[in-house]
Protein backbone atom coordinates (compact mmCIF):
# COMPACT_ATOMS: atom_id res chain seq x y z
CA MET A 1 -13.87 17.70 18.10
CA ASP A 2 -11.39 17.35 20.94
CA SER A 3 -9.57 20.32 22.36
CA SER A 4 -8.62 18.78 25.74
CA THR A 5 -4.95 18.74 24.79
CA GLY A 6 -4.81 22.41 23.74
CA GLN A 7 -5.15 21.50 20.11
CA THR A 8 -8.19 20.55 18.09
CA ASP A 9 -8.89 17.29 16.37
CA PHE A 10 -11.35 17.04 13.48
CA SER A 11 -12.67 13.53 12.93
CA LEU A 12 -15.24 11.86 10.73
CA LYS A 13 -13.54 8.52 11.32
CA GLY A 14 -15.70 5.46 10.79
CA LYS A 15 -18.96 7.30 10.30
CA GLY A 16 -19.70 5.57 7.01
CA LEU A 17 -20.73 8.76 5.30
CA LYS A 18 -21.36 8.79 1.56
CA LEU A 19 -20.14 12.19 0.45
CA ASN A 20 -20.70 12.56 -3.26
CA GLU A 21 -20.76 16.28 -3.94
CA LYS A 22 -19.71 19.50 -2.28
CA SER A 23 -23.17 19.93 -0.81
CA ASP A 24 -22.80 16.58 1.01
CA ILE A 25 -19.58 17.52 2.73
CA GLU A 26 -20.13 21.24 3.20
CA PRO A 27 -21.77 21.00 6.68
CA HIS A 28 -18.69 19.13 7.96
CA LEU A 29 -16.29 21.55 6.22
CA SER A 30 -17.92 24.53 7.85
CA VAL A 31 -17.17 23.00 11.24
CA LEU A 32 -13.58 22.40 10.11
CA ARG A 33 -13.17 25.95 8.90
CA GLY A 34 -14.64 27.26 12.10
CA CYS A 35 -11.75 25.82 14.10
CA GLY A 36 -9.29 28.01 12.19
CA GLU A 37 -5.60 27.38 12.69
CA SER A 38 -6.11 25.42 15.92
CA VAL A 39 -6.75 22.24 13.89
CA LYS A 40 -3.78 19.90 14.12
CA LYS A 41 -5.33 16.51 13.47
CA VAL A 42 -7.68 15.36 10.76
CA TRP A 43 -9.28 11.90 10.64
CA LEU A 44 -11.32 10.95 7.57
CA SER A 45 -11.03 7.16 7.40
CA GLY A 46 -14.08 4.97 6.89
CA ASN A 47 -16.15 7.26 4.67
CA THR A 48 -16.52 7.34 0.91
CA LEU A 49 -15.68 10.52 -1.02
CA GLY A 50 -16.65 11.37 -4.56
CA VAL A 51 -14.88 13.76 -6.93
CA GLY A 52 -17.06 16.78 -5.93
CA SER A 53 -16.62 16.28 -2.21
CA SER A 54 -12.89 15.55 -2.58
CA LYS A 55 -12.39 18.84 -4.43
CA ALA A 56 -14.27 20.80 -1.74
CA LEU A 57 -12.31 19.10 1.03
CA ALA A 58 -9.01 19.82 -0.83
CA GLU A 59 -9.80 23.54 -0.96
CA THR A 60 -10.44 23.58 2.72
CA LEU A 61 -7.30 21.57 3.65
CA LYS A 62 -5.12 24.05 1.75
CA GLU A 63 -6.09 26.68 4.35
CA LEU A 64 -4.80 24.54 7.25
CA LYS A 65 -1.18 25.55 7.10
CA ASN A 66 -0.56 24.29 10.64
CA LEU A 67 -2.04 20.87 10.01
CA GLU A 68 -0.12 18.25 11.71
CA ALA A 69 -2.23 15.28 12.85
CA SER A 70 -1.78 12.62 15.41
CA LEU A 71 -1.40 8.96 14.62
CA CYS A 72 -2.35 6.85 17.63
CA PHE A 73 0.09 4.02 16.91
CA ALA A 74 2.97 3.11 19.16
CA CYS A 75 5.49 2.62 16.40
CA PHE A 76 5.45 6.31 15.42
CA PRO A 77 7.25 8.61 17.85
CA TYR A 78 6.17 11.71 15.86
CA VAL A 79 2.63 13.06 15.70
CA PHE A 80 2.22 14.56 12.20
CA TYR A 81 -0.27 12.84 9.99
CA ILE A 82 -3.56 12.93 8.15
CA ASP A 83 -5.65 9.74 7.94
CA ILE A 84 -7.27 9.39 4.54
CA SER A 85 -7.32 5.62 4.48
CA ASP A 86 -10.43 3.78 3.24
CA ILE A 87 -12.14 6.76 1.65
CA PHE A 88 -13.06 5.35 -1.81
CA THR A 89 -15.14 2.31 -0.96
CA GLY A 90 -17.81 1.74 -3.59
CA ARG A 91 -16.34 4.35 -5.95
CA LEU A 92 -15.88 3.76 -9.69
CA LEU A 93 -12.33 3.24 -10.83
CA SER A 94 -12.75 6.33 -13.06
CA GLU A 95 -13.55 8.53 -10.06
CA ILE A 96 -10.58 7.72 -7.87
CA PRO A 97 -7.68 9.33 -9.85
CA GLN A 98 -9.32 12.74 -10.03
CA ALA A 99 -10.57 12.67 -6.40
CA LEU A 100 -7.10 11.58 -5.24
CA THR A 101 -5.46 14.32 -7.33
CA TYR A 102 -7.49 17.01 -5.66
CA LEU A 103 -6.63 15.74 -2.17
CA LEU A 104 -2.89 15.15 -2.72
CA GLU A 105 -2.42 18.48 -4.52
CA ALA A 106 -3.81 20.11 -1.37
CA LEU A 107 -1.65 18.08 0.99
CA VAL A 108 1.58 18.66 -0.87
CA VAL A 109 1.54 22.35 0.06
CA LEU A 110 1.14 21.79 3.79
CA PRO A 111 4.55 22.45 5.25
CA LYS A 112 4.01 20.61 8.58
CA LEU A 113 2.31 17.48 7.27
CA GLN A 114 4.74 14.71 8.05
CA THR A 115 2.62 11.53 8.20
CA VAL A 116 0.15 10.33 5.55
CA ASP A 117 -1.93 7.18 5.75
CA LEU A 118 -3.46 6.12 2.43
CA SER A 119 -4.18 2.49 3.34
CA ASP A 120 -7.17 0.53 2.04
CA ASN A 121 -7.52 2.67 -1.11
CA ALA A 122 -7.16 1.18 -4.63
CA LEU A 123 -3.90 2.57 -5.95
CA GLY A 124 -2.91 0.22 -8.74
CA LEU A 125 -1.62 1.09 -12.17
CA ASN A 126 -4.76 2.98 -13.10
CA THR A 127 -4.70 5.22 -10.02
CA GLN A 128 -1.01 5.53 -9.02
CA ALA A 129 -0.13 8.77 -10.88
CA PRO A 130 -1.41 11.24 -8.18
CA LEU A 131 0.37 9.28 -5.49
CA VAL A 132 3.64 9.15 -7.42
CA ALA A 133 3.50 12.93 -8.00
CA PHE A 134 2.87 13.56 -4.30
CA LEU A 135 5.57 11.24 -3.04
CA SER A 136 8.16 12.77 -5.42
CA ALA A 137 7.54 16.28 -4.13
CA HIS A 138 6.40 16.35 -0.49
CA THR A 139 9.72 17.00 1.32
CA PRO A 140 8.20 17.24 4.85
CA LEU A 141 7.19 13.57 4.66
CA ARG A 142 8.50 11.59 7.65
CA ASN A 143 6.09 8.58 7.87
CA LEU A 144 4.36 6.88 4.85
CA ILE A 145 1.73 4.27 5.44
CA LEU A 146 0.46 2.29 2.44
CA SER A 147 -1.30 -0.95 3.27
CA ASN A 148 -3.70 -3.01 1.15
CA ASN A 149 -3.62 -0.71 -1.91
CA GLY A 150 -3.36 -3.31 -4.63
CA LEU A 151 -0.21 -1.80 -6.07
CA GLY A 152 1.27 -4.90 -7.68
CA PRO A 153 4.90 -5.02 -8.83
CA ARG A 154 4.58 -2.38 -11.58
CA ALA A 155 2.83 0.34 -9.53
CA GLY A 156 4.98 -0.70 -6.59
CA LYS A 157 8.08 0.00 -8.61
CA LEU A 158 6.75 3.47 -9.54
CA VAL A 159 6.07 4.26 -5.88
CA ALA A 160 9.62 3.19 -4.94
CA GLU A 161 11.12 5.29 -7.72
CA ALA A 162 9.09 8.27 -6.47
CA LEU A 163 10.63 7.82 -3.03
CA SER A 164 14.09 7.83 -4.64
CA VAL A 165 13.25 11.16 -6.24
CA LEU A 166 11.98 12.41 -2.89
CA ALA A 167 15.39 11.74 -1.32
CA THR A 168 16.97 14.05 -3.92
CA GLU A 169 14.32 16.71 -3.35
CA LYS A 170 14.90 16.57 0.42
CA GLU A 171 18.63 17.12 -0.05
CA GLU A 172 18.04 20.08 -2.38
CA ALA A 173 15.64 21.64 0.16
CA ARG A 174 18.23 21.25 2.93
CA LYS A 175 20.85 22.94 0.81
CA ALA A 176 18.39 25.81 0.43
CA GLY A 177 18.31 26.18 4.21
CA GLN A 178 15.05 24.39 4.94
CA ASP A 179 14.64 22.18 7.98
CA ILE A 180 13.63 18.90 6.37
CA PRO A 181 13.09 15.69 8.33
CA ASN A 182 14.32 12.28 7.20
CA LEU A 183 11.89 9.74 5.88
CA GLU A 184 11.78 7.49 8.92
CA THR A 185 8.88 5.08 8.28
CA ILE A 186 7.79 3.04 5.35
CA VAL A 187 4.80 0.73 5.83
CA CYS A 188 3.91 -0.96 2.57
CA GLY A 189 2.13 -4.24 3.27
CA ARG A 190 -0.40 -6.43 1.44
CA ASN A 191 0.50 -4.82 -1.86
CA ARG A 192 1.82 -7.72 -4.01
CA LEU A 193 5.14 -6.01 -4.54
CA GLU A 194 6.73 -9.31 -5.47
CA ASN A 195 10.27 -9.77 -6.80
CA GLY A 196 9.69 -7.42 -9.79
CA SER A 197 9.79 -4.26 -7.67
CA MET A 198 12.51 -5.18 -5.23
CA ALA A 199 15.42 -3.53 -7.05
CA ALA A 200 13.53 -0.23 -7.05
CA TRP A 201 12.66 -0.59 -3.36
CA ALA A 202 16.25 -1.46 -2.47
CA LYS A 203 17.36 1.72 -4.22
CA ALA A 204 14.75 3.86 -2.42
CA ILE A 205 15.75 2.48 0.99
CA THR A 206 19.39 3.10 0.24
CA ALA A 207 18.54 6.68 -0.66
CA HIS A 208 16.75 7.19 2.71
CA ARG A 209 19.37 6.06 5.17
CA GLY A 210 17.58 7.61 8.12
CA LEU A 211 14.87 4.98 8.04
CA LYS A 212 13.89 3.61 11.43
CA ILE A 213 10.77 1.54 10.62
CA VAL A 214 10.26 -0.70 7.57
CA LYS A 215 7.24 -2.95 7.34
CA MET A 216 6.74 -4.81 4.06
CA THR A 217 4.50 -7.72 5.07
CA GLN A 218 2.48 -10.04 2.83
CA ASN A 219 3.93 -8.92 -0.47
CA GLY A 220 4.61 -12.25 -2.21
CA ILE A 221 8.36 -11.60 -2.24
CA ARG A 222 10.35 -14.78 -3.09
CA PRO A 223 13.87 -15.64 -1.92
CA GLU A 224 15.65 -13.90 -4.80
CA GLY A 225 13.68 -10.70 -4.13
CA ILE A 226 14.39 -10.90 -0.42
CA GLU A 227 18.12 -11.19 -1.16
CA VAL A 228 18.02 -8.04 -3.34
CA LEU A 229 15.95 -6.12 -0.78
CA VAL A 230 18.23 -7.01 2.11
CA LYS A 231 21.64 -6.89 0.46
CA GLN A 232 21.13 -3.92 -1.80
CA GLY A 233 18.79 -1.87 0.37
CA LEU A 234 18.12 -2.69 4.03
CA ARG A 235 21.78 -3.25 4.91
CA TYR A 236 22.32 0.50 4.41
CA ALA A 237 19.49 1.50 6.73
CA THR A 238 21.79 1.45 9.73
CA SER A 239 19.36 3.36 11.99
CA LEU A 240 16.69 0.67 11.61
CA GLN A 241 14.70 -0.04 14.81
CA VAL A 242 11.76 -2.08 13.46
CA LEU A 243 11.86 -4.49 10.55
CA ASP A 244 8.83 -6.62 9.69
CA LEU A 245 8.86 -8.89 6.59
CA GLU A 246 6.15 -11.28 7.69
CA ASP A 247 4.59 -13.67 5.19
CA ASN A 248 7.20 -13.45 2.43
CA THR A 249 9.27 -16.40 1.36
CA PHE A 250 12.90 -16.48 2.54
CA ALA A 251 14.12 -20.09 2.32
CA LEU A 252 17.86 -20.61 2.79
CA LEU A 253 18.80 -17.89 0.23
CA GLY A 254 16.84 -15.16 2.01
CA ALA A 255 17.86 -16.37 5.45
CA THR A 256 21.52 -16.29 4.46
CA ALA A 257 21.16 -12.68 3.22
CA LEU A 258 19.52 -11.70 6.49
CA ALA A 259 22.10 -13.50 8.61
CA ASP A 260 24.88 -11.69 6.74
CA THR A 261 23.17 -8.32 7.43
CA VAL A 262 21.76 -8.25 10.96
CA LEU A 263 25.02 -6.87 12.44
CA CYS A 264 24.43 -3.70 10.32
CA TRP A 265 21.40 -2.85 12.49
CA GLN A 266 22.82 -2.02 15.90
CA HIS A 267 19.63 -0.19 16.95
CA LEU A 268 17.20 -2.91 15.88
CA ALA A 269 14.55 -3.54 18.58
CA ASP A 270 11.89 -5.57 16.77
CA LEU A 271 12.50 -8.19 14.06
CA GLY A 272 9.36 -9.71 12.51
CA LEU A 273 9.83 -12.84 10.40
CA ASN A 274 6.59 -14.74 11.09
CA ASP A 275 5.55 -17.17 8.39
CA CYS A 276 8.67 -16.58 6.23
CA LEU A 277 9.64 -20.23 5.58
CA LEU A 278 13.13 -19.79 6.84
CA GLY A 279 13.52 -23.60 7.00
CA LYS A 280 15.53 -25.64 9.47
CA ALA A 281 18.90 -24.68 8.09
CA GLY A 282 17.96 -21.02 7.50
CA ALA A 283 16.55 -20.59 11.01
CA THR A 284 19.64 -22.11 12.58
CA LEU A 285 21.89 -19.91 10.45
CA LEU A 286 19.96 -16.79 11.49
CA ALA A 287 20.05 -17.77 15.14
CA LYS A 288 23.83 -18.14 15.01
CA ALA A 289 24.12 -14.71 13.38
CA LEU A 290 21.91 -13.14 16.08
CA GLY A 291 24.36 -14.62 18.61
CA ARG A 292 26.71 -11.82 17.50
CA GLY A 293 24.10 -9.09 17.93
CA PRO A 294 22.40 -6.69 17.73
CA LYS A 295 22.18 -6.48 21.50
CA SER A 296 19.38 -3.92 21.22
CA LEU A 297 16.85 -6.59 20.03
CA GLU A 298 13.75 -6.72 22.27
CA ALA A 299 11.29 -8.74 20.19
CA LEU A 300 11.90 -11.68 17.84
CA ARG A 301 9.00 -13.06 15.83
CA LEU A 302 9.62 -16.46 14.22
CA THR A 303 6.29 -18.36 13.97
CA PHE A 304 5.71 -20.97 11.25
CA ASN A 305 9.28 -21.21 9.99
CA ASP A 306 10.00 -25.00 10.29
CA ILE A 307 12.36 -24.42 13.22
CA ASP A 308 13.32 -27.77 14.67
CA LEU A 309 14.74 -28.76 18.06
CA SER A 310 18.32 -27.91 17.03
CA GLY A 311 17.13 -24.42 15.99
CA LEU A 312 15.33 -24.05 19.32
CA ARG A 313 18.54 -24.87 21.16
CA GLU A 314 20.40 -22.26 19.12
CA LEU A 315 17.77 -19.69 20.15
CA LYS A 316 18.14 -20.73 23.77
CA LEU A 317 21.88 -20.11 23.53
CA ILE A 318 21.52 -16.59 22.20
CA ILE A 319 18.91 -15.69 24.83
CA MET A 320 20.54 -17.16 27.96
CA GLY A 321 23.86 -18.67 26.93
CA GLU A 322 27.33 -17.64 27.76
CA GLY A 323 27.81 -13.88 27.49
CA ILE A 324 24.00 -13.50 26.98
CA PRO A 325 24.19 -12.29 23.29
CA LEU A 326 20.64 -10.83 23.40
CA PRO A 327 20.39 -9.34 26.89
CA ASN A 328 17.43 -7.06 26.06
CA LEU A 329 15.14 -9.62 24.42
CA LYS A 330 11.73 -9.62 26.15
CA ARG A 331 9.40 -11.23 23.61
CA ILE A 332 9.73 -14.23 21.31
CA GLU A 333 7.09 -15.83 19.05
CA LEU A 334 7.57 -19.49 18.15
CA ASN A 335 4.16 -20.99 17.40
CA GLY A 336 3.80 -23.33 14.40
CA ASN A 337 7.33 -24.69 14.42
CA ARG A 338 8.64 -28.29 14.52
CA PHE A 339 9.16 -29.09 18.19
CA SER A 340 6.96 -29.81 21.12
CA GLU A 341 5.63 -27.01 23.35
CA GLU A 342 6.61 -29.22 26.30
CA GLU A 343 10.32 -29.15 25.49
CA ASP A 344 12.51 -28.14 28.50
CA ASP A 345 14.19 -25.49 26.32
CA VAL A 346 10.83 -23.81 25.71
CA GLU A 347 10.20 -23.48 29.44
CA ALA A 348 13.75 -22.30 30.07
CA ILE A 349 13.39 -19.55 27.49
CA ARG A 350 10.02 -18.51 28.96
CA GLU A 351 11.38 -18.34 32.47
CA CYS A 352 14.41 -16.33 31.41
CA LEU A 353 12.27 -13.73 29.61
CA LEU A 354 9.85 -13.50 32.48
CA GLY A 355 12.77 -12.75 34.77
CA ARG A 356 13.65 -9.77 32.51
CA VAL A 357 10.17 -8.19 32.23
CA GLY A 358 8.61 -9.24 35.53
CA ALA A 359 5.04 -10.38 36.04
CA GLU A 360 3.60 -6.98 35.11
CA GLY A 361 4.96 -6.97 31.53
CA GLU A 362 2.75 -5.27 28.89
CA GLU A 363 2.51 -8.46 26.80
CA PRO A 364 3.34 -12.12 27.33
CA VAL A 365 6.99 -12.99 26.80
CA MET A 366 6.00 -15.84 24.47
CA ASP A 367 3.00 -16.54 22.23
CA GLU A 368 0.68 -19.51 22.69
CA LEU A 369 2.27 -22.60 21.22
CA ASP A 370 -0.95 -24.25 20.15
CA GLU A 371 -0.20 -25.09 16.51
CA MET A 372 3.11 -26.87 16.80
CA ASP A 373 4.18 -29.44 14.20
CA GLU A 374 6.26 -31.87 16.23
CA GLU A 375 9.46 -33.02 14.63
CA ASN A 376 9.75 -36.63 13.64
CA SER A 377 12.50 -38.69 15.28
CA GLU A 378 15.46 -39.78 13.19
CA GLU A 379 14.16 -43.36 13.17
CA GLU A 380 10.73 -42.26 11.95
CA GLU A 381 12.27 -40.09 9.24
CA LYS A 382 14.51 -42.95 8.18
CA PHE A 383 11.55 -45.39 8.16
CA GLU A 384 9.43 -42.93 6.15
CA GLY A 385 12.30 -42.40 3.73
CA GLU A 386 12.77 -46.16 3.24
CA GLU A 387 9.03 -46.58 2.87
CA GLU A 388 8.81 -43.90 0.24
CA GLU A 389 11.85 -45.37 -1.57
CA GLY A 390 10.23 -48.83 -1.52
CA GLU A 391 6.98 -47.44 -2.89
CA GLU A 392 8.89 -45.73 -5.68
CA GLU A 393 10.69 -49.00 -6.57
CA GLU A 394 7.37 -50.93 -6.59
CA GLU A 395 5.83 -48.29 -8.87
CA GLU A 396 8.82 -48.56 -11.25
CA GLU A 397 8.54 -52.37 -11.29
CA GLU A 398 4.83 -52.22 -11.97
CA GLU A 399 5.43 -49.80 -14.83
CA GLU A 400 8.09 -52.11 -16.31
CA GLU A 401 5.70 -55.11 -15.98
CA GLU A 402 2.96 -53.15 -17.75
CA VAL A 403 5.34 -52.31 -20.61
CA GLU A 404 6.46 -55.96 -20.85
CA VAL A 405 2.87 -57.12 -20.96
CA GLU A 406 2.01 -54.55 -23.63
CA ASP A 407 5.08 -55.58 -25.72
CA LYS A 408 4.16 -59.24 -25.38
CA ASP A 409 0.60 -58.62 -26.54
CA ILE A 410 1.81 -56.71 -29.51
CA VAL A 411 4.29 -59.46 -30.51
CA GLU A 412 1.64 -62.17 -30.13
CA LYS A 413 -0.85 -60.26 -32.26
CA LYS A 414 1.81 -59.70 -34.86
CA ALA A 415 2.66 -63.40 -34.89
CA GLU A 416 -1.02 -64.38 -35.20
CA LYS A 417 -1.43 -62.05 -38.17
CA ILE A 418 1.62 -63.52 -39.89
CA ILE A 419 0.32 -67.05 -39.33
CA LYS A 420 -3.10 -66.07 -40.61
CA ASP A 421 -1.62 -64.45 -43.70
CA ALA A 422 0.47 -67.55 -44.25
CA GLU A 423 -2.54 -69.81 -43.97
CA GLU A 424 -4.40 -67.76 -46.58
CA GLU A 425 -1.57 -67.99 -49.13
CA PRO A 426 -1.93 -70.62 -51.85
CA VAL A 427 -0.70 -73.99 -50.65
CA ALA A 428 2.67 -74.86 -52.08
CA THR A 429 3.17 -78.12 -53.87
CA ASP A 430 6.20 -78.73 -51.83
CA GLU A 431 5.29 -78.94 -48.11
CA ASP A 432 8.85 -78.26 -47.06
CA GLU A 433 8.89 -74.96 -49.05
CA THR A 434 5.71 -73.82 -47.26
CA ILE A 435 7.16 -74.52 -43.85
CA ASP A 436 10.42 -72.82 -44.72
CA ALA A 437 8.58 -69.73 -46.01
CA LEU A 438 6.51 -69.45 -42.85
CA ALA A 439 9.59 -69.90 -40.69
CA ALA A 440 11.33 -67.08 -42.57
CA LYS A 441 8.41 -64.72 -41.86
CA LEU A 442 8.28 -65.65 -38.22
CA GLY A 443 12.00 -65.32 -37.92
CA GLY A 444 11.73 -61.58 -37.42
CA THR A 445 9.21 -61.96 -34.58
CA THR A 446 10.00 -63.02 -31.03
CA ILE A 447 7.85 -63.63 -28.01
């Protein structure tokens, strides 16, 4: 318990408790109940709850009408949340849906509960139903955190559709005179959302135009899915401040969609595109687009994107070029790209950013460039190309020679057989007739 701030925190975080039945969790619930309405924050992550203990916990949570809960994470400016991440480790798949149902049915009636963290719980097709029901109905929801839940594209689509329903429910509640917050944060990473759920996610994002933070990292989204997500969804989130799509595949198609959209986000402060395979052309295209804004951008994350020296120079132009297109940029990440860390442009960018944040900045202005893949010179690339072309020609010639040899062997064997057959035939009385007959047979065979 912590009441130093005038409000009480209840925490079992990280204790590794195995709470199977009501009797296992009751001693902790009695402490929770003893705090009465002063409880604002509840932390339950890092324990494992069975059906019986989940039901008992749910009954107690329903009594906490003032439950808010603080999320100690810099991205969230609001402090309303309950942490029930990682609470089903070691549980049977058959246990989770019922246990989750008890908990979410309790949370849905809490009028001040604005942030819910359900990360690190298995919520795939077999266990998504309680989550979908909760997300469709909990109108106070402001911040949703779902990371590493194993959703997959099918369950991911159902979650997105539930958020679209929630947008309608929020509007209806506002019309009824209720003070309902916007959904401002969606964190849904490491969930294999893939291309198959992107149309549903784009629709959900479009429905919640007050979104400020979207993090959909490591979801196996391919370029076609990125294009749908950006063009049909994210472009309408004009209040966006943080966008992180790390470790999805953009290529030129996705990079083009992003370049066409960045000007829609005039409040964007943090753009995360690490390990997105933008490619040389895609990275250069994006850099040119950022040269037109948004001027609010403070952090740009571009590691492992095949950015070459020309792309680096484009980035230098938007950071410190004429008119200073990105005057507020204070942090850039460039490791793993295709230029040397010793390039003059790298040092120029670093010095420029240091001048903006000063020596006492909270984090370095640039990441460590210790995994760079230096770009080949034009002569090296030309030589490698010619070498590869020569190897291909040699392989083709060898294949042709092999075919010729095989054909020759077949012809020779065929000829030998014809000769042998001819030798075994009865000898003609007329030698000339025998020779003529053999010549006629061999006439259809060439060597």
